[in-house]
């Protein structure tokens, strides 16, 4: 009887933990979108006010953000400095795949980010600002959509974790 009780407690705690971790991942997704938006705002400022080349702009911005984004920007900046025959779009896409795969950004969001690299690499200053503004608007909408459903989804994940643990214990008894 004592072993059954310990088993029940462990099952409920385990499934509850999974529910809470899933809820935390939803919050991390929102934070990743906000961080990406911040990077783009900083890039826009660098291009508009300092007229810095992309390689310098990414190097400066990388010192202002946390991992994995700082690693991503450092890689892009370093490869732009070396320019081993690769286009900006190739460098950007490769860095997105290598460095941002650990984030909670969805596959679609990563693809949009790669597309952004295709549009910014060959443009002049004003056109780059326009491309950044367009992508910032897309991110603003995505952040708003994620934020709207976040509380309800977090509560749902937490409740489902606890309830699934209780359901499994009832099945086992």
Protein backbone atom coordinates (compact mmCIF):
# COMPACT_ATOMS: atom_id res chain seq x y z
CA UNK A 1 0.00 0.00 0.00
CA UNK A 2 2.83 2.36 0.88
CA UNK A 3 4.55 1.65 -2.47
CA UNK A 4 1.31 2.37 -4.32
CA UNK A 5 0.98 5.70 -2.52
CA UNK A 6 4.55 6.66 -3.38
CA UNK A 7 3.93 5.62 -7.00
CA UNK A 8 0.78 7.72 -7.19
CA UNK A 9 2.59 10.75 -5.80
CA UNK A 10 5.49 10.30 -8.24
CA UNK A 11 3.16 9.96 -11.22
CA UNK A 12 1.19 13.08 -10.33
CA UNK A 13 4.39 15.03 -9.62
CA UNK A 14 5.97 13.88 -12.88
CA UNK A 15 3.03 14.75 -15.09
CA UNK A 16 2.55 18.03 -13.24
CA UNK A 17 6.19 18.86 -13.87
CA UNK A 18 5.78 18.14 -17.56
CA UNK A 19 2.75 20.44 -17.66
CA UNK A 20 4.62 23.24 -15.92
CA UNK A 21 7.66 22.82 -18.19
CA UNK A 22 5.43 23.03 -21.23
CA UNK A 23 3.89 26.23 -19.83
CA UNK A 24 7.39 27.63 -19.28
CA UNK A 25 8.28 26.81 -22.90
CA UNK A 26 5.33 28.90 -24.05
CA UNK A 27 6.67 31.85 -22.07
CA UNK A 28 10.16 31.28 -23.47
CA UNK A 29 8.71 31.38 -27.00
CA UNK A 30 7.29 34.83 -26.28
CA UNK A 31 10.63 35.96 -24.83
CA UNK A 32 12.47 34.71 -27.93
CA UNK A 33 10.15 36.70 -30.18
CA UNK A 34 10.71 39.81 -28.05
CA UNK A 35 14.47 39.34 -28.18
CA UNK A 36 14.37 38.98 -31.95
CA UNK A 37 12.33 42.17 -32.16
CA UNK A 38 14.86 43.97 -29.96
CA UNK A 39 17.70 42.84 -32.23
CA UNK A 40 15.90 44.23 -35.25
CA UNK A 41 15.25 47.54 -33.51
CA UNK A 42 18.94 47.79 -32.64
CA UNK A 43 19.89 46.90 -36.22
CA UNK A 44 17.56 49.58 -37.54
CA UNK A 45 19.21 52.15 -35.26
CA UNK A 46 22.70 51.07 -36.30
CA UNK A 47 21.86 51.38 -39.98
CA UNK A 48 19.91 54.63 -39.68
CA UNK A 49 22.11 56.60 -37.31
CA UNK A 50 25.65 55.25 -37.56
CA UNK A 51 25.44 54.09 -41.19
CA UNK A 52 27.56 51.15 -40.11
CA UNK A 53 28.08 48.23 -42.47
CA UNK A 54 26.17 45.10 -41.51
CA UNK A 55 29.28 43.35 -40.21
CA UNK A 56 30.00 46.14 -37.69
CA UNK A 57 26.34 46.53 -36.79
CA UNK A 58 25.99 42.83 -35.98
CA UNK A 59 29.20 42.89 -33.94
CA UNK A 60 27.93 45.80 -31.84
CA UNK A 61 24.49 44.32 -31.36
CA UNK A 62 25.94 40.94 -30.34
CA UNK A 63 27.41 42.61 -27.24
CA UNK A 64 23.95 43.82 -26.22
CA UNK A 65 22.00 40.54 -26.37
CA UNK A 66 22.13 37.17 -24.63
CA UNK A 67 22.94 33.71 -25.95
CA UNK A 68 22.09 32.16 -28.37
CA UNK A 69 21.43 35.44 -30.17
CA UNK A 70 24.85 36.90 -29.37
CA UNK A 71 26.46 33.77 -30.83
CA UNK A 72 24.25 34.03 -33.90
CA UNK A 73 25.17 37.67 -34.51
CA UNK A 74 28.86 37.05 -33.81
CA UNK A 75 28.87 34.22 -36.35
CA UNK A 76 27.20 36.39 -38.99
CA UNK A 77 29.59 39.26 -38.31
CA UNK A 78 32.65 37.01 -38.43
CA UNK A 79 31.61 35.32 -41.65
CA UNK A 80 30.84 38.67 -43.24
CA UNK A 81 34.35 39.81 -42.35
CA UNK A 82 35.85 36.69 -44.01
CA UNK A 83 33.35 36.61 -46.93
CA UNK A 84 34.67 33.33 -48.29
CA UNK A 85 32.66 33.74 -51.50
CA UNK A 86 29.33 33.29 -49.74
CA UNK A 87 26.44 35.67 -50.18
CA UNK A 88 24.88 37.42 -47.21
CA UNK A 89 21.74 35.32 -47.59
CA UNK A 90 23.77 32.09 -47.37
CA UNK A 91 25.70 33.32 -44.32
CA UNK A 92 22.50 34.44 -42.62
CA UNK A 93 20.60 31.24 -43.39
CA UNK A 94 23.46 29.04 -42.20
CA UNK A 95 23.76 31.00 -38.94
CA UNK A 96 20.00 30.79 -38.33
CA UNK A 97 20.10 27.00 -38.77
CA UNK A 98 23.21 26.51 -36.62
CA UNK A 99 22.67 28.96 -33.79
CA UNK A 100 18.93 29.47 -33.40
CA UNK A 101 17.80 25.84 -33.47
CA UNK A 102 17.89 25.78 -29.65
CA UNK A 103 15.37 28.62 -29.32
CA UNK A 104 11.64 28.12 -28.98
CA UNK A 105 10.98 29.87 -32.29
CA UNK A 106 8.72 27.79 -34.50
CA UNK A 107 9.88 26.34 -37.83
CA UNK A 108 7.78 28.95 -39.65
CA UNK A 109 9.33 31.80 -37.65
CA UNK A 110 12.82 30.52 -38.45
CA UNK A 111 11.91 30.34 -42.15
CA UNK A 112 10.63 33.94 -42.01
CA UNK A 113 13.89 34.96 -40.39
CA UNK A 114 15.83 33.29 -43.20
CA UNK A 115 13.69 35.13 -45.74
CA UNK A 116 14.50 38.37 -43.95
CA UNK A 117 18.17 37.61 -44.55
CA UNK A 118 17.44 37.26 -48.25
CA UNK A 119 15.86 40.70 -48.37
CA UNK A 120 18.35 42.69 -46.30
CA UNK A 121 21.72 41.52 -47.59
CA UNK A 122 21.84 43.24 -50.95
CA UNK A 123 19.88 46.44 -50.30
CA UNK A 124 21.05 49.98 -49.58
CA UNK A 125 20.50 51.79 -46.26
CA UNK A 126 16.97 53.09 -46.88
CA UNK A 127 15.78 49.86 -48.43
CA UNK A 128 17.31 47.93 -45.50
CA UNK A 129 15.35 50.09 -43.10
CA UNK A 130 12.18 49.37 -45.08
CA UNK A 131 12.83 45.63 -44.95
CA UNK A 132 13.51 45.85 -41.22
CA UNK A 133 10.31 47.83 -40.67
CA UNK A 134 8.30 45.25 -42.60
CA UNK A 135 9.74 42.38 -40.57
CA UNK A 136 9.26 44.34 -37.33
CA UNK A 137 5.57 44.68 -38.14
CA UNK A 138 5.33 40.94 -38.74
CA UNK A 139 7.04 40.29 -35.41
CA UNK A 140 4.77 42.76 -33.65
CA UNK A 141 1.72 40.84 -34.87
CA UNK A 142 3.26 37.49 -33.88
CA UNK A 143 4.17 38.77 -30.40
CA UNK A 144 0.65 40.10 -29.96
CA UNK A 145 -0.89 36.79 -31.07
CA UNK A 146 1.33 34.77 -28.73
CA UNK A 147 0.74 37.16 -25.84
CA UNK A 148 -3.06 37.01 -26.22
CA UNK A 149 -3.31 33.28 -25.73
CA UNK A 150 -0.37 32.82 -23.40
CA UNK A 151 -2.10 32.92 -20.02
CA UNK A 152 -4.86 30.56 -21.07
CA UNK A 153 -2.43 28.12 -22.70
CA UNK A 154 -0.14 28.15 -19.66
CA UNK A 155 -3.06 27.43 -17.35
CA UNK A 156 -4.26 24.69 -19.68
CA UNK A 157 -0.83 23.02 -19.78
CA UNK A 158 -0.51 23.12 -16.01
CA UNK A 159 -3.99 21.74 -15.46
CA UNK A 160 -3.56 19.04 -18.09
CA UNK A 161 -0.33 17.96 -16.42
CA UNK A 162 -2.01 17.52 -13.04
CA UNK A 163 -5.17 15.98 -14.47
CA UNK A 164 -3.29 13.50 -16.63
CA UNK A 165 -1.36 12.36 -13.55
CA UNK A 166 -4.61 11.84 -11.66
CA UNK A 167 -6.12 10.03 -14.65
CA UNK A 168 -3.14 7.67 -14.94
CA UNK A 169 -3.26 6.87 -11.22
CA UNK A 170 -6.98 6.09 -11.46
CA UNK A 171 -6.26 3.74 -14.37
CA UNK A 172 -3.52 2.01 -12.41
CA UNK A 173 -5.58 1.54 -9.25
